Amino acid sequence: MGIPVLVIGRSGTGKSTSLRNFSKEEAAVINIMGKPLPFKSDIPSCVTQDYSKVKNILFKSKINTIIIDDAGYLITDMFMSGHSAASKGNGVFSFYNEIGDAFYHLIRFVVDQLPANKIVYFIMHEDSDDMGNVKPKTIGKLLDEKVCLEGLVSVLIRSTYESEKYCFLTNGAGIQKSPIGMFEDEVIDNDLKFVDTSIRNYWNIGKENDNEKTE
């Protein structure tokens, strides 16, 4: 059983930069939009918007920490590629169902098909509803009603910029959440390697693979 983790935040709050402390042996990136990382890095990376290719990479990679950067654009790309053909009425309703199903089943794939020592980080932009509640950014209210993304994960980290510092929110009031005691502080540095280490230590993940060679 793999572990999906959501990392959400506004653009420019340090989501992608949080990968900076990983080495090429420790993490790999599925780069949905093909944007260069905002720092010099030799972390292995590939570009695709194809769900089947994403699943294939997740399943075959020997690296146990994989980041899907700008994962929300999987939803956007599917919408932009097919909304004209969907037309309107029942066609549009079915199309939104397909978009929701595809992203939901990707998260379920992580849980159901990947080994227990593999953690997959879904980096997404955040949005807010009519009441001002923060949520992962998707496409339209219908999709949000079909798939409550934050309800599918046990760990949701929110990136923010406050007091002239890029931070991660791990718990407390808001959408961010993590199991009791996983993090000592509700506000930490925006360091995804620290988050990854904390998750692995808390659930005792992958200790038997510490000396395993990855590619």
Protein backbone atom coordinates (compact mmCIF):
# COMPACT_ATOMS: atom_id res chain seq x y z
CA MET A 1 0.00 0.00 0.00
CA GLY A 2 1.68 3.19 -1.23
CA ILE A 3 1.09 6.55 0.42
CA PRO A 4 -0.31 9.56 -1.45
CA VAL A 5 0.43 12.98 0.06
CA LEU A 6 -1.03 16.30 -1.05
CA VAL A 7 1.07 19.47 -1.07
CA ILE A 8 -1.00 22.52 -1.98
CA GLY A 9 -0.44 26.26 -2.03
CA ARG A 10 -0.62 29.42 -4.06
CA SER A 11 1.81 29.95 -6.91
CA GLY A 12 5.14 31.26 -5.68
CA THR A 13 4.90 29.90 -2.13
CA GLY A 14 7.76 27.42 -2.48
CA LYS A 15 6.09 24.15 -3.45
CA SER A 16 8.56 23.13 -6.15
CA THR A 17 11.48 24.74 -4.31
CA SER A 18 10.80 22.37 -1.41
CA LEU A 19 12.41 19.55 -3.45
CA ARG A 20 15.83 21.25 -3.25
CA ASN A 21 17.35 18.97 -0.59
CA PHE A 22 16.69 15.66 -2.35
CA SER A 23 19.55 13.94 -4.15
CA LYS A 24 19.11 12.10 -7.45
CA GLU A 25 19.09 8.78 -5.59
CA GLU A 26 16.35 9.85 -3.18
CA ALA A 27 13.58 11.26 -5.37
CA ALA A 28 12.23 11.48 -8.90
CA VAL A 29 9.87 13.99 -10.49
CA ILE A 30 7.00 13.51 -12.91
CA ASN A 31 6.86 17.00 -14.37
CA ILE A 32 3.37 17.51 -15.76
CA MET A 33 3.96 20.89 -17.43
CA GLY A 34 7.64 20.54 -18.22
CA LYS A 35 8.68 23.60 -16.23
CA PRO A 36 12.29 23.60 -15.05
CA LEU A 37 12.73 23.26 -11.31
CA PRO A 38 13.49 26.62 -9.63
CA PHE A 39 16.95 25.49 -8.52
CA LYS A 40 19.89 23.55 -9.97
CA SER A 41 19.21 19.85 -9.63
CA ASP A 42 20.12 16.43 -10.97
CA ILE A 43 16.91 14.84 -9.67
CA PRO A 44 15.63 12.52 -12.44
CA SER A 45 12.59 13.98 -14.17
CA CYS A 46 10.26 13.16 -17.04
CA VAL A 47 7.44 15.11 -18.68
CA THR A 48 4.03 13.64 -19.42
CA GLN A 49 0.34 14.47 -19.10
CA ASP A 50 -0.75 10.90 -19.83
CA TYR A 51 -2.33 9.07 -16.90
CA SER A 52 -1.24 5.64 -18.12
CA LYS A 53 2.37 6.79 -18.46
CA VAL A 54 2.26 8.35 -15.00
CA LYS A 55 1.03 5.06 -13.53
CA ASN A 56 3.68 3.11 -15.42
CA ILE A 57 6.45 5.35 -14.04
CA LEU A 58 5.09 5.10 -10.51
CA PHE A 59 4.90 1.32 -10.73
CA LYS A 60 8.29 0.64 -12.37
CA SER A 61 10.50 3.24 -10.71
CA LYS A 62 12.96 1.89 -8.16
CA ILE A 63 13.01 5.28 -6.47
CA ASN A 64 10.64 5.30 -3.52
CA THR A 65 9.87 9.04 -3.31
CA ILE A 66 8.15 10.39 -6.40
CA ILE A 67 6.81 13.90 -6.81
CA ILE A 68 4.10 14.69 -9.35
CA ASP A 69 4.78 18.39 -9.82
CA ASP A 70 1.81 20.49 -10.84
CA ALA A 71 -0.40 17.39 -10.58
CA GLY A 72 -3.49 19.57 -10.93
CA TYR A 73 -2.60 20.13 -14.56
CA LEU A 74 -3.45 16.49 -15.24
CA ILE A 75 -7.01 17.64 -14.62
CA THR A 76 -6.57 20.83 -16.64
CA ASP A 77 -4.97 19.04 -19.60
CA MET A 78 -7.74 16.46 -19.76
CA PHE A 79 -10.32 19.25 -19.64
CA MET A 80 -8.65 21.39 -22.31
CA SER A 81 -8.15 18.38 -24.57
CA GLY A 82 -11.76 17.22 -24.48
CA HIS A 83 -14.21 19.91 -23.40
CA SER A 84 -15.07 20.99 -26.97
CA ALA A 85 -16.04 17.46 -27.96
CA ALA A 86 -18.16 17.05 -24.84
CA SER A 87 -20.53 19.76 -26.14
CA LYS A 88 -23.17 20.34 -23.45
CA GLY A 89 -25.90 18.73 -21.37
CA ASN A 90 -25.34 15.07 -20.54
CA GLY A 91 -22.10 15.09 -22.53
CA VAL A 92 -20.57 17.71 -20.27
CA PHE A 93 -21.78 15.92 -17.14
CA SER A 94 -20.24 12.65 -18.31
CA PHE A 95 -17.02 14.42 -19.25
CA TYR A 96 -16.62 15.91 -15.79
CA ASN A 97 -17.25 12.47 -14.33
CA GLU A 98 -14.44 11.09 -16.50
CA ILE A 99 -12.06 13.82 -15.33
CA GLY A 100 -12.89 13.16 -11.70
CA ASP A 101 -12.63 9.40 -12.16
CA ALA A 102 -9.19 9.66 -13.76
CA PHE A 103 -7.64 11.65 -10.92
CA TYR A 104 -9.41 9.63 -8.23
CA HIS A 105 -8.18 6.36 -9.73
CA LEU A 106 -4.62 7.71 -9.92
CA ILE A 107 -4.67 8.25 -6.16
CA ARG A 108 -6.27 4.84 -5.68
CA PHE A 109 -3.53 3.35 -7.88
CA VAL A 110 -0.92 4.69 -5.45
CA VAL A 111 -2.74 3.12 -2.51
CA ASP A 112 -3.76 -0.16 -4.14
CA GLN A 113 -0.91 -0.98 -6.53
CA LEU A 114 2.31 0.49 -5.15
CA PRO A 115 4.49 -1.04 -2.43
CA ALA A 116 4.34 0.23 1.13
CA ASN A 117 7.74 1.94 0.93
CA LYS A 118 6.70 4.25 -1.92
CA ILE A 119 5.41 7.77 -1.19
CA VAL A 120 3.91 9.87 -3.98
CA TYR A 121 3.56 13.63 -3.51
CA PHE A 122 0.83 15.38 -5.49
CA ILE A 123 1.85 19.04 -5.73
CA MET A 124 -1.14 21.23 -6.59
CA HIS A 125 -2.25 24.83 -6.55
CA GLU A 126 -4.84 25.86 -4.00
CA ASP A 127 -8.18 27.59 -4.49
CA SER A 128 -11.00 28.66 -2.21
CA ASP A 129 -14.73 28.03 -2.27
CA ASP A 130 -17.53 30.60 -1.93
CA MET A 131 -17.11 30.54 1.85
CA GLY A 132 -13.38 31.22 1.65
CA ASN A 133 -12.36 27.69 2.61
CA VAL A 134 -9.06 26.62 1.03
CA LYS A 135 -9.09 23.54 -1.19
CA PRO A 136 -6.99 21.93 -3.93
CA LYS A 137 -7.58 23.66 -7.26
CA THR A 138 -9.58 21.56 -9.72
CA ILE A 139 -12.05 22.28 -12.52
CA GLY A 140 -15.49 23.47 -11.47
CA LYS A 141 -17.86 22.67 -8.63
CA LEU A 142 -19.10 19.44 -10.18
CA LEU A 143 -15.67 17.86 -9.95
CA ASP A 144 -15.25 19.01 -6.34
CA GLU A 145 -18.57 17.38 -5.49
CA LYS A 146 -17.48 14.11 -7.10
CA VAL A 147 -13.98 13.96 -5.61
CA CYS A 148 -12.99 15.40 -2.23
CA LEU A 149 -9.23 15.17 -2.76
CA GLU A 150 -8.26 16.12 0.78
CA GLY A 151 -10.41 13.27 2.07
CA LEU A 152 -8.31 10.73 0.16
CA VAL A 153 -5.07 11.37 2.04
CA SER A 154 -3.85 11.26 5.64
CA VAL A 155 -1.20 13.95 5.11
CA LEU A 156 -1.89 17.29 3.46
CA ILE A 157 0.82 19.94 3.61
CA ARG A 158 0.07 23.54 2.75
CA SER A 159 2.78 25.90 1.50
CA THR A 160 2.71 29.56 2.46
CA TYR A 161 4.85 32.67 2.65
CA GLU A 162 4.63 34.51 5.94
CA SER A 163 6.95 36.69 8.03
CA GLU A 164 9.26 36.89 5.01
CA LYS A 165 9.77 33.12 5.05
CA TYR A 166 8.61 30.21 2.91
CA CYS A 167 6.90 27.68 5.16
CA PHE A 168 4.93 24.46 5.26
CA LEU A 169 1.84 24.16 7.46
CA THR A 170 1.50 20.63 8.84
CA ASN A 171 -1.51 20.85 11.11
CA GLY A 172 -3.77 23.26 12.98
CA ALA A 173 -6.73 25.31 11.81
CA GLY A 174 -7.26 24.96 8.07
CA ILE A 175 -7.11 22.27 5.42
CA GLN A 176 -3.60 21.07 6.35
CA LYS A 177 -3.46 17.85 8.33
CA SER A 178 -1.13 15.11 9.53
CA PRO A 179 -1.32 12.33 12.14
CA ILE A 180 -0.82 13.29 15.78
CA GLY A 181 2.87 13.50 16.59
CA MET A 182 4.18 13.17 13.03
CA PHE A 183 5.50 16.74 13.19
CA GLU A 184 6.50 18.57 16.34
CA ASP A 185 5.55 21.96 14.89
CA GLU A 186 2.56 23.22 12.96
CA VAL A 187 4.83 25.51 10.91
CA ILE A 188 8.07 24.14 9.43
CA ASP A 189 10.56 25.07 6.73
CA ASN A 190 9.43 24.30 3.18
CA ASP A 191 11.61 21.20 2.96
CA LEU A 192 9.92 18.21 1.33
CA LYS A 193 12.83 15.93 2.21
CA PHE A 194 12.22 16.69 5.88
CA VAL A 195 8.53 15.92 5.37
CA ASP A 196 9.41 12.66 3.62
CA THR A 197 11.80 11.63 6.40
CA SER A 198 9.20 12.49 9.05
CA ILE A 199 6.53 10.39 7.33
CA ARG A 200 8.87 7.43 6.91
CA ASN A 201 10.04 7.58 10.52
CA TYR A 202 6.50 7.94 11.87
CA TRP A 203 5.15 4.91 9.98
CA ASN A 204 8.49 3.02 9.96
CA ILE A 205 8.51 2.93 6.15
CA GLY A 206 11.29 1.52 4.04
CA LYS A 207 13.85 0.79 6.74
CA GLU A 208 14.68 -2.48 5.05
CA ASN A 209 15.53 -0.61 1.82
CA ASP A 210 18.00 1.93 3.19
CA ASN A 211 20.90 0.32 1.35
CA GLU A 212 19.01 -0.50 -1.83
CA LYS A 213 20.37 1.05 -5.02
CA THR A 214 17.87 3.19 -6.91
CA GLU A 215 17.79 4.58 -10.41
